[in-house]
Amino acid sequence: QFPDSIKQLDQDISKMIKLDTLNAAVFRKFGDLYRASPFLDKAKYYYLNGVEVCDYGSNSFRSELLLVTGFATFLLGQVEESLNYYNEALNIEFDPYPKMKRIFQLAIVYLYDQNHKKAIEVLDNFEKGVKNFGFNESEIIQALVSVNYYKAFFYANMGNKIKSYKSWNSFLTYADQVLEEIPDFD
């Protein structure tokens, strides 16, 4: 709407980046600014520049930047490319908690793309492998609470009441176990 303002913003961004060319968080910040605008292609541009910076320093922030690049790319309507970014973010993540988060984020992207089968497959694969994820028994049960909650919702969204109820009942079973272990859980 205001091309002069956008031009000035781009110039200011360039000046700030020149001050610290290896700070991936700067690229994330500017990508986030553009992601909230009609200029999603600029968001993707800044995120990918941040990914490139992370490549130089083996920065653990790379997975996060790939994730937001996937989000911006999805919003641009480039679904297959977006899924590639989400999968790469998942594959390079080494910490089990962010990795689990990436799994749920990938499943949600498939849901938004109306690919319910793939969304469920992502959750099923995580559920099958959760015991080898590096979690203790309590963390496994907590992860299964989330898996079954999501599956219940996804199955309901696709109109499969039977599998939705089955997943919901599993959610309740695992949730009861968590509540037994942590009675003051709020």
N, C-alpha and C. Protein backbone atom coordinates (compact mmCIF):
# COMPACT_ATOMS: atom_id res chain seq x y z
N GLN A 1 0.82 -1.19 0.00
CA GLN A 1 0.00 0.00 0.00
C GLN A 1 0.87 1.26 0.00
N PHE A 2 2.02 1.18 0.66
CA PHE A 2 2.93 2.33 0.76
C PHE A 2 4.31 1.92 0.26
N PRO A 3 4.52 1.96 -1.05
CA PRO A 3 5.78 1.48 -1.62
C PRO A 3 7.01 2.22 -1.10
N ASP A 4 6.88 3.51 -0.82
CA ASP A 4 8.03 4.26 -0.28
C ASP A 4 8.43 3.74 1.10
N SER A 5 7.43 3.41 1.89
CA SER A 5 7.72 2.86 3.22
C SER A 5 8.39 1.50 3.13
N ILE A 6 7.92 0.68 2.21
CA ILE A 6 8.51 -0.64 2.02
C ILE A 6 9.95 -0.50 1.54
N LYS A 7 10.18 0.41 0.62
CA LYS A 7 11.54 0.65 0.12
C LYS A 7 12.45 1.09 1.27
N GLN A 8 11.95 1.99 2.11
CA GLN A 8 12.74 2.46 3.26
C GLN A 8 13.01 1.32 4.23
N LEU A 9 11.99 0.49 4.47
CA LEU A 9 12.16 -0.66 5.35
C LEU A 9 13.23 -1.59 4.80
N ASP A 10 13.18 -1.87 3.51
CA ASP A 10 14.19 -2.73 2.90
C ASP A 10 15.59 -2.15 3.06
N GLN A 11 15.72 -0.85 2.90
CA GLN A 11 17.03 -0.21 3.07
C GLN A 11 17.50 -0.31 4.52
N ASP A 12 16.58 -0.08 5.45
CA ASP A 12 16.94 -0.18 6.87
C ASP A 12 17.34 -1.60 7.24
N ILE A 13 16.62 -2.57 6.70
CA ILE A 13 16.95 -3.97 6.95
C ILE A 13 18.35 -4.29 6.42
N SER A 14 18.63 -3.84 5.23
CA SER A 14 19.96 -4.08 4.64
C SER A 14 21.06 -3.49 5.51
N LYS A 15 20.84 -2.30 6.02
CA LYS A 15 21.83 -1.66 6.89
C LYS A 15 22.03 -2.48 8.17
N MET A 16 20.94 -2.94 8.76
CA MET A 16 21.04 -3.70 10.00
C MET A 16 21.74 -5.04 9.78
N ILE A 17 21.43 -5.68 8.67
CA ILE A 17 22.06 -6.98 8.39
C ILE A 17 23.56 -6.80 8.18
N LYS A 18 23.96 -5.71 7.55
CA LYS A 18 25.39 -5.46 7.33
C LYS A 18 26.15 -5.31 8.65
N LEU A 19 25.46 -4.90 9.70
CA LEU A 19 26.10 -4.77 11.01
C LEU A 19 26.47 -6.13 11.60
N ASP A 20 25.66 -7.16 11.28
CA ASP A 20 25.89 -8.49 11.85
C ASP A 20 25.42 -9.53 10.85
N THR A 21 26.23 -9.79 9.84
CA THR A 21 25.82 -10.66 8.73
C THR A 21 25.68 -12.13 9.13
N LEU A 22 26.21 -12.52 10.28
CA LEU A 22 26.14 -13.92 10.68
C LEU A 22 25.15 -14.16 11.82
N ASN A 23 24.26 -13.23 12.05
CA ASN A 23 23.27 -13.39 13.10
C ASN A 23 21.96 -13.88 12.48
N ALA A 24 21.73 -15.17 12.59
CA ALA A 24 20.55 -15.78 11.97
C ALA A 24 19.26 -15.22 12.57
N ALA A 25 19.29 -14.82 13.83
CA ALA A 25 18.08 -14.29 14.47
C ALA A 25 17.61 -13.00 13.80
N VAL A 26 18.54 -12.23 13.23
CA VAL A 26 18.15 -11.00 12.51
C VAL A 26 17.29 -11.37 11.31
N PHE A 27 17.72 -12.40 10.58
CA PHE A 27 16.96 -12.84 9.42
C PHE A 27 15.59 -13.38 9.83
N ARG A 28 15.56 -14.08 10.96
CA ARG A 28 14.28 -14.59 11.47
C ARG A 28 13.34 -13.43 11.78
N LYS A 29 13.84 -12.42 12.45
CA LYS A 29 13.02 -11.27 12.83
C LYS A 29 12.41 -10.58 11.61
N PHE A 30 13.24 -10.34 10.60
CA PHE A 30 12.73 -9.65 9.40
C PHE A 30 11.80 -10.57 8.60
N GLY A 31 12.10 -11.85 8.59
CA GLY A 31 11.18 -12.78 7.94
C GLY A 31 9.82 -12.77 8.62
N ASP A 32 9.83 -12.72 9.96
CA ASP A 32 8.58 -12.67 10.71
C ASP A 32 7.80 -11.39 10.40
N LEU A 33 8.51 -10.28 10.26
CA LEU A 33 7.83 -9.02 9.93
C LEU A 33 7.11 -9.14 8.58
N TYR A 34 7.80 -9.69 7.61
CA TYR A 34 7.19 -9.82 6.29
C TYR A 34 6.13 -10.91 6.25
N ARG A 35 6.25 -11.92 7.09
CA ARG A 35 5.25 -12.99 7.09
C ARG A 35 3.88 -12.46 7.53
N ALA A 36 3.89 -11.38 8.28
CA ALA A 36 2.64 -10.77 8.72
C ALA A 36 2.15 -9.72 7.72
N SER A 37 2.72 -9.72 6.53
CA SER A 37 2.36 -8.74 5.51
C SER A 37 1.93 -9.49 4.24
N PRO A 38 1.54 -8.75 3.23
CA PRO A 38 1.23 -9.41 1.95
C PRO A 38 2.48 -9.87 1.19
N PHE A 39 3.67 -9.59 1.71
CA PHE A 39 4.92 -9.87 1.00
C PHE A 39 5.57 -11.15 1.53
N LEU A 40 4.86 -12.25 1.40
CA LEU A 40 5.35 -13.52 1.92
C LEU A 40 6.62 -13.98 1.23
N ASP A 41 6.80 -13.58 -0.03
CA ASP A 41 8.02 -13.96 -0.73
C ASP A 41 9.25 -13.35 -0.05
N LYS A 42 9.10 -12.15 0.51
CA LYS A 42 10.22 -11.54 1.24
C LYS A 42 10.48 -12.27 2.55
N ALA A 43 9.41 -12.74 3.19
CA ALA A 43 9.59 -13.53 4.42
C ALA A 43 10.43 -14.76 4.10
N LYS A 44 10.04 -15.46 3.05
CA LYS A 44 10.77 -16.66 2.64
C LYS A 44 12.23 -16.30 2.33
N TYR A 45 12.45 -15.21 1.65
CA TYR A 45 13.80 -14.76 1.31
C TYR A 45 14.66 -14.58 2.56
N TYR A 46 14.13 -13.88 3.55
CA TYR A 46 14.91 -13.65 4.77
C TYR A 46 15.13 -14.93 5.56
N TYR A 47 14.11 -15.77 5.64
CA TYR A 47 14.29 -17.03 6.35
C TYR A 47 15.39 -17.87 5.69
N LEU A 48 15.36 -17.95 4.36
CA LEU A 48 16.38 -18.75 3.67
C LEU A 48 17.77 -18.16 3.83
N ASN A 49 17.86 -16.85 3.92
CA ASN A 49 19.16 -16.23 4.19
C ASN A 49 19.64 -16.63 5.59
N GLY A 50 18.72 -16.71 6.53
CA GLY A 50 19.07 -17.16 7.87
C GLY A 50 19.52 -18.61 7.87
N VAL A 51 18.84 -19.44 7.08
CA VAL A 51 19.24 -20.85 6.96
C VAL A 51 20.67 -20.93 6.43
N GLU A 52 20.97 -20.10 5.44
CA GLU A 52 22.32 -20.09 4.86
C GLU A 52 23.37 -19.70 5.91
N VAL A 53 23.04 -18.73 6.75
CA VAL A 53 23.96 -18.33 7.82
C VAL A 53 24.16 -19.50 8.78
N CYS A 54 23.11 -20.19 9.09
CA CYS A 54 23.22 -21.33 10.00
C CYS A 54 24.08 -22.44 9.39
N ASP A 55 24.05 -22.58 8.08
CA ASP A 55 24.87 -23.58 7.43
C ASP A 55 26.35 -23.32 7.66
N TYR A 56 26.72 -22.04 7.76
CA TYR A 56 28.13 -21.70 7.96
C TYR A 56 28.60 -22.08 9.35
N GLY A 57 27.76 -21.90 10.34
CA GLY A 57 28.21 -22.10 11.71
C GLY A 57 27.63 -23.30 12.40
N SER A 58 27.03 -24.21 11.68
CA SER A 58 26.37 -25.38 12.28
C SER A 58 25.46 -24.96 13.42
N ASN A 59 24.72 -23.92 13.18
CA ASN A 59 23.85 -23.33 14.19
C ASN A 59 22.61 -24.20 14.40
N SER A 60 22.25 -24.44 15.64
CA SER A 60 21.07 -25.26 15.94
C SER A 60 19.77 -24.53 15.62
N PHE A 61 19.86 -23.26 15.29
CA PHE A 61 18.69 -22.46 14.93
C PHE A 61 18.20 -22.81 13.52
N ARG A 62 18.98 -23.57 12.79
CA ARG A 62 18.66 -23.90 11.40
C ARG A 62 17.31 -24.61 11.28
N SER A 63 17.05 -25.56 12.15
CA SER A 63 15.79 -26.29 12.10
C SER A 63 14.61 -25.34 12.25
N GLU A 64 14.72 -24.40 13.18
CA GLU A 64 13.64 -23.43 13.39
C GLU A 64 13.42 -22.57 12.16
N LEU A 65 14.51 -22.14 11.53
CA LEU A 65 14.39 -21.31 10.33
C LEU A 65 13.79 -22.09 9.16
N LEU A 66 14.16 -23.36 9.04
CA LEU A 66 13.55 -24.19 8.00
C LEU A 66 12.06 -24.35 8.24
N LEU A 67 11.70 -24.50 9.49
CA LEU A 67 10.29 -24.63 9.84
C LEU A 67 9.50 -23.39 9.41
N VAL A 68 9.97 -22.19 9.77
CA VAL A 68 9.23 -20.97 9.42
C VAL A 68 9.29 -20.72 7.91
N THR A 69 10.36 -21.16 7.26
CA THR A 69 10.42 -21.07 5.80
C THR A 69 9.31 -21.94 5.21
N GLY A 70 9.14 -23.13 5.79
CA GLY A 70 8.06 -24.01 5.35
C GLY A 70 6.70 -23.37 5.54
N PHE A 71 6.53 -22.69 6.65
CA PHE A 71 5.25 -22.03 6.92
C PHE A 71 4.98 -20.94 5.89
N ALA A 72 5.98 -20.08 5.65
CA ALA A 72 5.80 -19.00 4.66
C ALA A 72 5.56 -19.58 3.27
N THR A 73 6.29 -20.63 2.94
CA THR A 73 6.14 -21.26 1.63
C THR A 73 4.76 -21.88 1.48
N PHE A 74 4.25 -22.47 2.55
CA PHE A 74 2.89 -23.03 2.53
C PHE A 74 1.88 -21.91 2.28
N LEU A 75 2.05 -20.79 2.95
CA LEU A 75 1.14 -19.66 2.77
C LEU A 75 1.22 -19.09 1.36
N LEU A 76 2.35 -19.27 0.71
CA LEU A 76 2.49 -18.85 -0.69
C LEU A 76 1.81 -19.83 -1.65
N GLY A 77 1.33 -20.94 -1.11
CA GLY A 77 0.65 -21.94 -1.93
C GLY A 77 1.59 -22.96 -2.56
N GLN A 78 2.84 -22.97 -2.14
CA GLN A 78 3.84 -23.89 -2.68
C GLN A 78 3.96 -25.08 -1.72
N VAL A 79 2.95 -25.92 -1.74
CA VAL A 79 2.78 -26.96 -0.74
C VAL A 79 3.91 -27.98 -0.75
N GLU A 80 4.25 -28.52 -1.92
CA GLU A 80 5.30 -29.54 -1.97
C GLU A 80 6.64 -29.00 -1.47
N GLU A 81 6.99 -27.79 -1.89
CA GLU A 81 8.23 -27.18 -1.42
C GLU A 81 8.17 -26.96 0.09
N SER A 82 7.01 -26.54 0.56
CA SER A 82 6.81 -26.32 1.99
C SER A 82 7.06 -27.62 2.76
N LEU A 83 6.50 -28.70 2.29
CA LEU A 83 6.67 -29.99 2.96
C LEU A 83 8.14 -30.41 2.98
N ASN A 84 8.87 -30.07 1.94
CA ASN A 84 10.31 -30.36 1.93
C ASN A 84 11.01 -29.63 3.06
N TYR A 85 10.66 -28.36 3.28
CA TYR A 85 11.27 -27.60 4.37
C TYR A 85 10.90 -28.20 5.73
N TYR A 86 9.62 -28.55 5.90
CA TYR A 86 9.19 -29.15 7.16
C TYR A 86 9.93 -30.46 7.42
N ASN A 87 10.04 -31.29 6.39
CA ASN A 87 10.73 -32.57 6.56
C ASN A 87 12.21 -32.38 6.86
N GLU A 88 12.84 -31.41 6.19
CA GLU A 88 14.25 -31.16 6.47
C GLU A 88 14.43 -30.66 7.91
N ALA A 89 13.53 -29.78 8.35
CA ALA A 89 13.59 -29.28 9.73
C ALA A 89 13.48 -30.44 10.72
N LEU A 90 12.61 -31.38 10.43
CA LEU A 90 12.43 -32.55 11.28
C LEU A 90 13.67 -33.45 11.24
N ASN A 91 14.19 -33.68 10.05
CA ASN A 91 15.30 -34.62 9.90
C ASN A 91 16.60 -34.13 10.52
N ILE A 92 16.81 -32.82 10.59
CA ILE A 92 18.07 -32.33 11.15
C ILE A 92 17.98 -32.05 12.65
N GLU A 93 16.77 -32.06 13.19
CA GLU A 93 16.61 -31.78 14.62
C GLU A 93 17.14 -32.96 15.42
N PHE A 94 17.98 -32.68 16.40
CA PHE A 94 18.60 -33.74 17.19
C PHE A 94 18.05 -33.81 18.61
N ASP A 95 17.50 -32.73 19.13
CA ASP A 95 16.94 -32.71 20.48
C ASP A 95 15.55 -33.35 20.44
N PRO A 96 15.27 -34.33 21.30
CA PRO A 96 13.99 -35.04 21.20
C PRO A 96 12.75 -34.17 21.37
N TYR A 97 12.81 -33.14 22.21
CA TYR A 97 11.61 -32.32 22.41
C TYR A 97 11.28 -31.46 21.20
N PRO A 98 12.24 -30.70 20.67
CA PRO A 98 11.92 -29.96 19.44
C PRO A 98 11.59 -30.90 18.28
N LYS A 99 12.25 -32.07 18.25
CA LYS A 99 11.96 -33.03 17.18
C LYS A 99 10.50 -33.49 17.26
N MET A 100 10.04 -33.75 18.48
CA MET A 100 8.64 -34.14 18.66
C MET A 100 7.72 -33.00 18.19
N LYS A 101 8.09 -31.78 18.55
CA LYS A 101 7.30 -30.62 18.12
C LYS A 101 7.23 -30.55 16.59
N ARG A 102 8.37 -30.80 15.93
CA ARG A 102 8.40 -30.78 14.45
C ARG A 102 7.48 -31.84 13.86
N ILE A 103 7.42 -32.99 14.52
CA ILE A 103 6.54 -34.06 14.05
C ILE A 103 5.09 -33.59 14.06
N PHE A 104 4.67 -32.99 15.17
CA PHE A 104 3.30 -32.50 15.25
C PHE A 104 3.06 -31.38 14.24
N GLN A 105 4.05 -30.52 14.05
CA GLN A 105 3.90 -29.43 13.08
C GLN A 105 3.75 -29.97 11.67
N LEU A 106 4.52 -30.99 11.33
CA LEU A 106 4.42 -31.61 10.01
C LEU A 106 3.03 -32.24 9.82
N ALA A 107 2.56 -32.94 10.84
CA ALA A 107 1.23 -33.54 10.75
C ALA A 107 0.15 -32.48 10.54
N ILE A 108 0.28 -31.36 11.21
CA ILE A 108 -0.70 -30.27 11.07
C ILE A 108 -0.67 -29.69 9.66
N VAL A 109 0.52 -29.58 9.08
CA VAL A 109 0.61 -29.06 7.70
C VAL A 109 -0.13 -30.01 6.75
N TYR A 110 0.07 -31.30 6.93
CA TYR A 110 -0.66 -32.26 6.10
C TYR A 110 -2.17 -32.11 6.30
N LEU A 111 -2.58 -31.87 7.53
CA LEU A 111 -4.00 -31.67 7.80
C LEU A 111 -4.52 -30.43 7.06
N TYR A 112 -3.78 -29.33 7.14
CA TYR A 112 -4.20 -28.11 6.44
C TYR A 112 -4.25 -28.31 4.94
N ASP A 113 -3.40 -29.20 4.44
CA ASP A 113 -3.41 -29.52 3.01
C ASP A 113 -4.50 -30.55 2.68
N GLN A 114 -5.27 -30.92 3.67
CA GLN A 114 -6.34 -31.91 3.53
C GLN A 114 -5.82 -33.30 3.16
N ASN A 115 -4.57 -33.58 3.51
CA ASN A 115 -4.00 -34.90 3.29
C ASN A 115 -4.03 -35.64 4.63
N HIS A 116 -5.24 -36.06 5.01
CA HIS A 116 -5.45 -36.70 6.30
C HIS A 116 -4.66 -37.99 6.44
N LYS A 117 -4.59 -38.74 5.36
CA LYS A 117 -3.87 -40.02 5.41
C LYS A 117 -2.41 -39.79 5.80
N LYS A 118 -1.78 -38.81 5.20
CA LYS A 118 -0.37 -38.52 5.50
C LYS A 118 -0.23 -37.95 6.92
N ALA A 119 -1.17 -37.13 7.34
CA ALA A 119 -1.13 -36.56 8.69
C ALA A 119 -1.18 -37.68 9.74
N ILE A 120 -2.08 -38.63 9.54
CA ILE A 120 -2.20 -39.77 10.46
C ILE A 120 -0.94 -40.63 10.39
N GLU A 121 -0.41 -40.81 9.19
CA GLU A 121 0.80 -41.63 9.02
C GLU A 121 1.96 -41.05 9.82
N VAL A 122 2.12 -39.74 9.79
CA VAL A 122 3.19 -39.08 10.55
C VAL A 122 3.02 -39.39 12.04
N LEU A 123 1.79 -39.27 12.54
CA LEU A 123 1.53 -39.54 13.95
C LEU A 123 1.69 -41.02 14.29
N ASP A 124 1.22 -41.90 13.40
CA ASP A 124 1.38 -43.33 13.63
C ASP A 124 2.85 -43.72 13.72
N ASN A 125 3.66 -43.17 12.81
CA ASN A 125 5.10 -43.48 12.82
C ASN A 125 5.76 -43.01 14.12
N PHE A 126 5.36 -41.83 14.58
CA PHE A 126 5.91 -41.34 15.84
C PHE A 126 5.47 -42.24 16.99
N GLU A 127 4.19 -42.61 16.99
CA GLU A 127 3.67 -43.46 18.07
C GLU A 127 4.41 -44.80 18.11
N LYS A 128 4.66 -45.38 16.95
CA LYS A 128 5.36 -46.66 16.89
C LYS A 128 6.81 -46.55 17.37
N GLY A 129 7.45 -45.41 17.12
CA GLY A 129 8.85 -45.26 17.46
C GLY A 129 9.13 -44.46 18.72
N VAL A 130 8.08 -44.07 19.45
CA VAL A 130 8.27 -43.18 20.59
C VAL A 130 9.15 -43.81 21.69
N LYS A 131 9.13 -45.13 21.80
CA LYS A 131 9.93 -45.78 22.84
C LYS A 131 11.43 -45.70 22.53
N ASN A 132 11.77 -45.45 21.29
CA ASN A 132 13.18 -45.34 20.90
C ASN A 132 13.60 -43.88 20.74
N PHE A 133 12.81 -42.99 21.28
CA PHE A 133 13.02 -41.55 21.07
C PHE A 133 13.95 -40.93 22.10
N GLY A 134 14.27 -41.69 23.14
CA GLY A 134 15.13 -41.16 24.19
C GLY A 134 14.37 -40.62 25.38
N PHE A 135 13.07 -40.88 25.42
CA PHE A 135 12.24 -40.42 26.53
C PHE A 135 12.20 -41.48 27.62
N ASN A 136 11.98 -41.03 28.86
CA ASN A 136 11.72 -42.00 29.93
C ASN A 136 10.25 -42.42 29.85
N GLU A 137 9.85 -43.35 30.69
CA GLU A 137 8.49 -43.91 30.61
C GLU A 137 7.41 -42.83 30.78
N SER A 138 7.62 -41.92 31.70
CA SER A 138 6.66 -40.85 31.93
C SER A 138 6.53 -39.94 30.70
N GLU A 139 7.66 -39.63 30.09
CA GLU A 139 7.65 -38.78 28.89
C GLU A 139 6.99 -39.49 27.71
N ILE A 140 7.17 -40.80 27.63
CA ILE A 140 6.52 -41.58 26.58
C ILE A 140 5.00 -41.48 26.72
N ILE A 141 4.52 -41.66 27.94
CA ILE A 141 3.07 -41.57 28.18
C ILE A 141 2.56 -40.18 27.85
N GLN A 142 3.30 -39.15 28.23
CA GLN A 142 2.89 -37.78 27.91
C GLN A 142 2.85 -37.56 26.40
N ALA A 143 3.82 -38.11 25.67
CA ALA A 143 3.83 -37.99 24.21
C ALA A 143 2.62 -38.71 23.62
N LEU A 144 2.28 -39.86 24.18
CA LEU A 144 1.13 -40.61 23.67
C LEU A 144 -0.19 -39.89 23.95
N VAL A 145 -0.24 -39.11 25.01
CA VAL A 145 -1.41 -38.26 25.25
C VAL A 145 -1.60 -37.34 24.06
N SER A 146 -0.52 -36.66 23.67
CA SER A 146 -0.60 -35.70 22.56
C SER A 146 -0.89 -36.39 21.24
N VAL A 147 -0.22 -37.51 20.97
CA VAL A 147 -0.44 -38.23 19.71
C VAL A 147 -1.91 -38.59 19.56
N ASN A 148 -2.48 -39.16 20.61
CA ASN A 148 -3.87 -39.62 20.51
C ASN A 148 -4.86 -38.46 20.49
N TYR A 149 -4.53 -37.37 21.14
CA TYR A 149 -5.38 -36.17 21.06
C TYR A 149 -5.43 -35.68 19.62
N TYR A 150 -4.27 -35.55 18.99
CA TYR A 150 -4.22 -35.10 17.60
C TYR A 150 -4.92 -36.08 16.67
N LYS A 151 -4.66 -37.38 16.87
CA LYS A 151 -5.30 -38.37 16.00
C LYS A 151 -6.81 -38.34 16.13
N ALA A 152 -7.31 -38.15 17.35
CA ALA A 152 -8.76 -38.07 17.54
C ALA A 152 -9.33 -36.90 16.75
N PHE A 153 -8.65 -35.78 16.82
CA PHE A 153 -9.10 -34.59 16.07
C PHE A 153 -9.00 -34.83 14.57
N PHE A 154 -7.88 -35.38 14.10
CA PHE A 154 -7.69 -35.58 12.67
C PHE A 154 -8.72 -36.55 12.11
N TYR A 155 -8.95 -37.66 12.84
CA TYR A 155 -9.95 -38.62 12.38
C TYR A 155 -11.35 -37.99 12.37
N ALA A 156 -11.66 -37.20 13.37
CA ALA A 156 -12.96 -36.52 13.40
C ALA A 156 -13.07 -35.57 12.21
N ASN A 157 -12.00 -34.88 11.90
CA ASN A 157 -12.00 -33.94 10.78
C ASN A 157 -12.23 -34.65 9.46
N MET A 158 -11.78 -35.89 9.36
CA MET A 158 -12.00 -36.62 8.12
C MET A 158 -13.29 -37.45 8.16
N GLY A 159 -14.05 -37.33 9.24
CA GLY A 159 -15.34 -37.99 9.33
C GLY A 159 -15.30 -39.44 9.76
N ASN A 160 -14.20 -39.90 10.31
CA ASN A 160 -14.06 -41.28 10.75
C ASN A 160 -14.32 -41.34 12.26
N LYS A 161 -15.60 -41.48 12.62
CA LYS A 161 -15.99 -41.45 14.03
C LYS A 161 -15.38 -42.60 14.83
N ILE A 162 -15.36 -43.77 14.24
CA ILE A 162 -14.88 -44.96 14.97
C ILE A 162 -13.42 -44.77 15.39
N LYS A 163 -12.56 -44.39 14.44
CA LYS A 163 -11.14 -44.21 14.78
C LYS A 163 -10.94 -42.98 15.65
N SER A 164 -11.79 -41.98 15.47
CA SER A 164 -11.70 -40.79 16.33
C SER A 164 -12.01 -41.17 17.77
N TYR A 165 -13.08 -41.91 18.00
CA TYR A 165 -13.42 -42.34 19.36
C TYR A 165 -12.35 -43.25 19.94
N LYS A 166 -11.80 -44.14 19.11
CA LYS A 166 -10.75 -45.04 19.59
C LYS A 166 -9.53 -44.23 20.04
N SER A 167 -9.13 -43.26 19.23
CA SER A 167 -7.99 -42.40 19.60
C SER A 167 -8.32 -41.57 20.83
N TRP A 168 -9.56 -41.08 20.90
CA TRP A 168 -9.97 -40.28 22.06
C TRP A 168 -9.90 -41.11 23.34
N ASN A 169 -10.35 -42.36 23.25
CA ASN A 169 -10.29 -43.24 24.42
C ASN A 169 -8.85 -43.52 24.83
N SER A 170 -7.96 -43.69 23.85
CA SER A 170 -6.54 -43.87 24.17
C SER A 170 -5.99 -42.60 24.82
N PHE A 171 -6.40 -41.44 24.30
CA PHE A 171 -6.00 -40.16 24.89
C PHE A 171 -6.41 -40.13 26.36
N LEU A 172 -7.65 -40.50 26.65
CA LEU A 172 -8.14 -40.47 28.04
C LEU A 172 -7.37 -41.44 28.93
N THR A 173 -7.07 -42.62 28.41
CA THR A 173 -6.32 -43.62 29.17
C THR A 173 -4.93 -43.09 29.54
N TYR A 174 -4.23 -42.56 28.53
CA TYR A 174 -2.88 -42.03 28.80
C TYR A 174 -2.95 -40.78 29.68
N ALA A 175 -3.96 -39.96 29.48
CA ALA A 175 -4.10 -38.74 30.29
C ALA A 175 -4.34 -39.12 31.76
N ASP A 176 -5.13 -40.17 32.01
CA ASP A 176 -5.35 -40.63 33.38
C ASP A 176 -4.03 -41.08 34.02
N GLN A 177 -3.18 -41.73 33.23
CA GLN A 177 -1.88 -42.17 33.75
C GLN A 177 -1.01 -40.97 34.12
N VAL A 178 -1.06 -39.93 33.29
CA VAL A 178 -0.29 -38.71 33.60
C VAL A 178 -0.83 -38.08 34.87
N LEU A 179 -2.15 -38.03 35.00
CA LEU A 179 -2.76 -37.42 36.19
C LEU A 179 -2.48 -38.22 37.46
N GLU A 180 -2.35 -39.54 37.33
CA GLU A 180 -1.95 -40.35 38.50
C GLU A 180 -0.54 -40.01 38.93
N GLU A 181 0.33 -39.82 37.97
CA GLU A 181 1.73 -39.53 38.24
C GLU A 181 1.92 -38.09 38.74
N ILE A 182 1.15 -37.18 38.17
CA ILE A 182 1.27 -35.76 38.51
C ILE A 182 -0.13 -35.27 38.95
N PRO A 183 -0.55 -35.58 40.19
CA PRO A 183 -1.92 -35.29 40.60
C PRO A 183 -2.26 -33.79 40.62
N ASP A 184 -1.29 -32.93 40.81
CA ASP A 184 -1.60 -31.51 40.85
C ASP A 184 -1.36 -30.83 39.49
N PHE A 185 -1.33 -31.66 38.44
CA PHE A 185 -1.14 -31.14 37.07
C PHE A 185 -2.32 -30.24 36.71
N ASP A 186 -2.01 -29.04 36.29
CA ASP A 186 -3.08 -28.08 35.97
C ASP A 186 -3.12 -27.86 34.48
